[in-house]
Amino acid sequence: MNIFLAIVAVLALIVAGLSARWGFTQADIAQKMKAKLDEQEREVTDWLAKHETLALQLVKINPHLTIRRPDGSSMCIYPTIFKDVKFREKLERYIVQLNRSGSVFATRTPTELELRSPSLRETVTKANEILDAFAKRHPGVVEYYMSPTV
């Protein structure tokens, strides 16, 4: 009988040790999952800020805004900056939307799922690169007409 009690006690200690170890493992998994969710939330927030900044820049112009250059010629800003029609379609799908008459942009509020979309992210990144390159070629135009802070 004493041997039986000793075996049960040893088995109970083993089970208790495994349970404690399993509990730490579950806590570690939960902590890692929370850290990953927090990181994903920060990433979505960062992309929302990038999206919003770009959308505010595009809303400041309309698709047909024409300005006069210093040399006296005219320039329609939107198609001059974004020459590729297919890319402008992406801007109008992911970043801004046209009103019914097609004459004014309004900001588009993307869902969290859309903010995770590689297509939206590529569009935002490429649009910012195009705007930066245009701003270097035409100093002041982007800042004056499309500054998101004004």
Protein backbone atom coordinates (compact mmCIF):
# COMPACT_ATOMS: atom_id res chain seq x y z
CA MET A 1 0.00 0.00 0.00
CA ASN A 2 2.86 2.37 0.80
CA ILE A 3 4.37 1.75 -2.59
CA PHE A 4 1.05 2.56 -4.23
CA LEU A 5 0.80 5.85 -2.30
CA ALA A 6 4.39 6.71 -3.22
CA ILE A 7 3.70 6.07 -6.91
CA VAL A 8 0.53 8.21 -6.78
CA ALA A 9 2.44 11.01 -5.03
CA VAL A 10 5.23 10.91 -7.64
CA LEU A 11 2.68 10.89 -10.46
CA ALA A 12 0.87 13.84 -8.84
CA LEU A 13 4.15 15.77 -8.67
CA ILE A 14 4.87 15.02 -12.32
CA VAL A 15 1.37 16.10 -13.39
CA ALA A 16 1.66 19.28 -11.29
CA GLY A 17 5.03 20.09 -12.85
CA LEU A 18 3.72 19.50 -16.37
CA SER A 19 0.62 21.59 -15.66
CA ALA A 20 2.70 24.47 -14.39
CA ARG A 21 4.98 24.23 -17.41
CA TRP A 22 1.99 24.08 -19.75
CA GLY A 23 0.53 27.14 -18.02
CA PHE A 24 3.71 29.12 -18.66
CA THR A 25 3.62 28.03 -22.27
CA GLN A 26 0.03 29.20 -22.65
CA ALA A 27 0.93 32.53 -21.05
CA ASP A 28 3.87 32.91 -23.42
CA ILE A 29 1.66 32.13 -26.42
CA ALA A 30 -0.96 34.62 -25.27
CA GLN A 31 1.70 37.29 -24.73
CA LYS A 32 3.18 36.70 -28.19
CA MET A 33 -0.26 36.82 -29.79
CA LYS A 34 -1.04 40.12 -28.05
CA ALA A 35 2.29 41.59 -29.18
CA LYS A 36 1.59 40.51 -32.76
CA LEU A 37 -1.92 42.00 -32.67
CA ASP A 38 -0.52 45.25 -31.25
CA GLU A 39 2.07 45.36 -34.05
CA GLN A 40 -0.60 44.75 -36.69
CA GLU A 41 -2.73 47.51 -35.17
CA ARG A 42 0.23 49.94 -35.26
CA GLU A 43 0.91 48.97 -38.87
CA VAL A 44 -2.71 49.61 -39.87
CA THR A 45 -2.64 52.94 -38.04
CA ASP A 46 0.57 53.92 -39.87
CA TRP A 47 -0.96 53.05 -43.25
CA LEU A 48 -4.13 54.95 -42.35
CA ALA A 49 -2.01 58.05 -41.67
CA LYS A 50 -0.16 57.64 -44.99
CA HIS A 51 -3.45 57.11 -46.82
CA GLU A 52 -5.07 60.12 -45.17
CA THR A 53 -2.13 62.42 -45.92
CA LEU A 54 -2.18 61.44 -49.61
CA ALA A 55 -5.98 61.72 -49.81
CA LEU A 56 -5.88 65.23 -48.29
CA GLN A 57 -3.29 66.26 -50.88
CA LEU A 58 -5.41 64.98 -53.76
CA VAL A 59 -8.63 66.52 -52.41
CA LYS A 60 -7.00 69.96 -52.52
CA ILE A 61 -7.07 69.76 -56.31
CA ASN A 62 -9.82 68.62 -58.57
CA PRO A 63 -9.22 66.40 -61.59
CA HIS A 64 -9.40 69.42 -63.89
CA LEU A 65 -7.52 72.11 -61.91
CA THR A 66 -5.44 74.06 -64.40
CA ILE A 67 -2.70 76.43 -63.27
CA ARG A 68 -0.61 78.92 -65.17
CA ARG A 69 3.12 78.25 -65.25
CA PRO A 70 5.67 81.06 -64.96
CA ASP A 71 6.30 80.80 -68.72
CA GLY A 72 2.63 81.57 -69.41
CA SER A 73 1.57 78.06 -70.42
CA SER A 74 -1.18 76.16 -68.63
CA MET A 75 -0.90 72.86 -66.79
CA CYS A 76 -3.69 70.60 -65.57
CA ILE A 77 -2.12 69.38 -62.32
CA TYR A 78 -3.70 65.96 -61.75
CA PRO A 79 -3.04 64.34 -65.16
CA THR A 80 0.33 66.10 -65.39
CA ILE A 81 1.51 64.59 -62.10
CA PHE A 82 -0.13 61.21 -62.62
CA LYS A 83 0.29 60.59 -66.34
CA ASP A 84 -0.74 56.93 -66.35
CA VAL A 85 -4.51 56.57 -66.70
CA LYS A 86 -4.49 53.13 -65.08
CA PHE A 87 -2.67 54.53 -62.06
CA ARG A 88 -5.17 57.40 -61.78
CA GLU A 89 -7.90 54.75 -61.73
CA LYS A 90 -6.13 53.09 -58.78
CA LEU A 91 -5.94 56.45 -56.99
CA GLU A 92 -9.66 56.89 -57.54
CA ARG A 93 -10.35 53.34 -56.34
CA TYR A 94 -8.18 53.30 -53.20
CA ILE A 95 -7.45 56.89 -52.15
CA VAL A 96 -10.12 59.35 -53.30
CA GLN A 97 -13.47 59.21 -54.97
CA LEU A 98 -15.01 61.52 -57.52
CA ASN A 99 -18.32 63.19 -56.86
CA ARG A 100 -21.23 62.39 -59.17
CA SER A 101 -20.30 65.06 -61.68
CA GLY A 102 -16.69 63.85 -61.73
CA SER A 103 -15.37 67.31 -60.96
CA VAL A 104 -14.31 67.15 -57.29
CA PHE A 105 -12.41 64.62 -55.20
CA ALA A 106 -13.56 63.49 -51.76
CA THR A 107 -11.49 61.46 -49.33
CA ARG A 108 -12.20 57.78 -49.14
CA THR A 109 -12.15 56.10 -45.75
CA PRO A 110 -10.64 52.64 -46.19
CA THR A 111 -11.58 49.69 -44.02
CA GLU A 112 -8.98 47.93 -41.90
CA LEU A 113 -8.97 45.08 -44.41
CA GLU A 114 -8.30 47.52 -47.27
CA LEU A 115 -5.43 49.07 -45.30
CA ARG A 116 -3.83 45.62 -45.20
CA SER A 117 -4.20 45.27 -48.96
CA PRO A 118 -0.93 45.16 -50.90
CA SER A 119 -2.64 46.99 -53.79
CA LEU A 120 -3.63 49.94 -51.61
CA ARG A 121 -0.17 50.07 -50.03
CA GLU A 122 1.54 49.94 -53.42
CA THR A 123 -0.72 52.72 -54.69
CA VAL A 124 0.03 54.96 -51.69
CA THR A 125 3.76 54.31 -51.94
CA LYS A 126 3.93 54.86 -55.69
CA ALA A 127 1.77 58.01 -55.52
CA ASN A 128 4.08 59.50 -52.88
CA GLU A 129 7.11 58.67 -55.02
CA ILE A 130 5.49 60.31 -58.06
CA LEU A 131 4.56 63.40 -56.02
CA ASP A 132 8.11 63.67 -54.66
CA ALA A 133 9.62 63.39 -58.14
CA PHE A 134 7.17 65.96 -59.52
CA ALA A 135 7.90 68.34 -56.64
CA LYS A 136 11.62 68.15 -57.47
CA ARG A 137 10.97 68.96 -61.14
CA HIS A 138 8.43 71.69 -60.36
CA PRO A 139 9.43 73.24 -57.03
CA GLY A 140 6.56 74.75 -55.12
CA VAL A 141 3.65 73.41 -57.17
CA VAL A 142 2.88 70.39 -54.96
CA GLU A 143 3.59 72.36 -51.79
CA TYR A 144 1.40 75.29 -52.83
CA TYR A 145 -1.57 73.45 -54.30
CA MET A 146 -1.54 70.16 -52.44
CA SER A 147 -0.02 70.73 -49.01
CA PRO A 148 -1.95 68.55 -46.55
CA THR A 149 -1.31 70.95 -43.67
CA VAL A 150 -2.86 74.06 -45.22
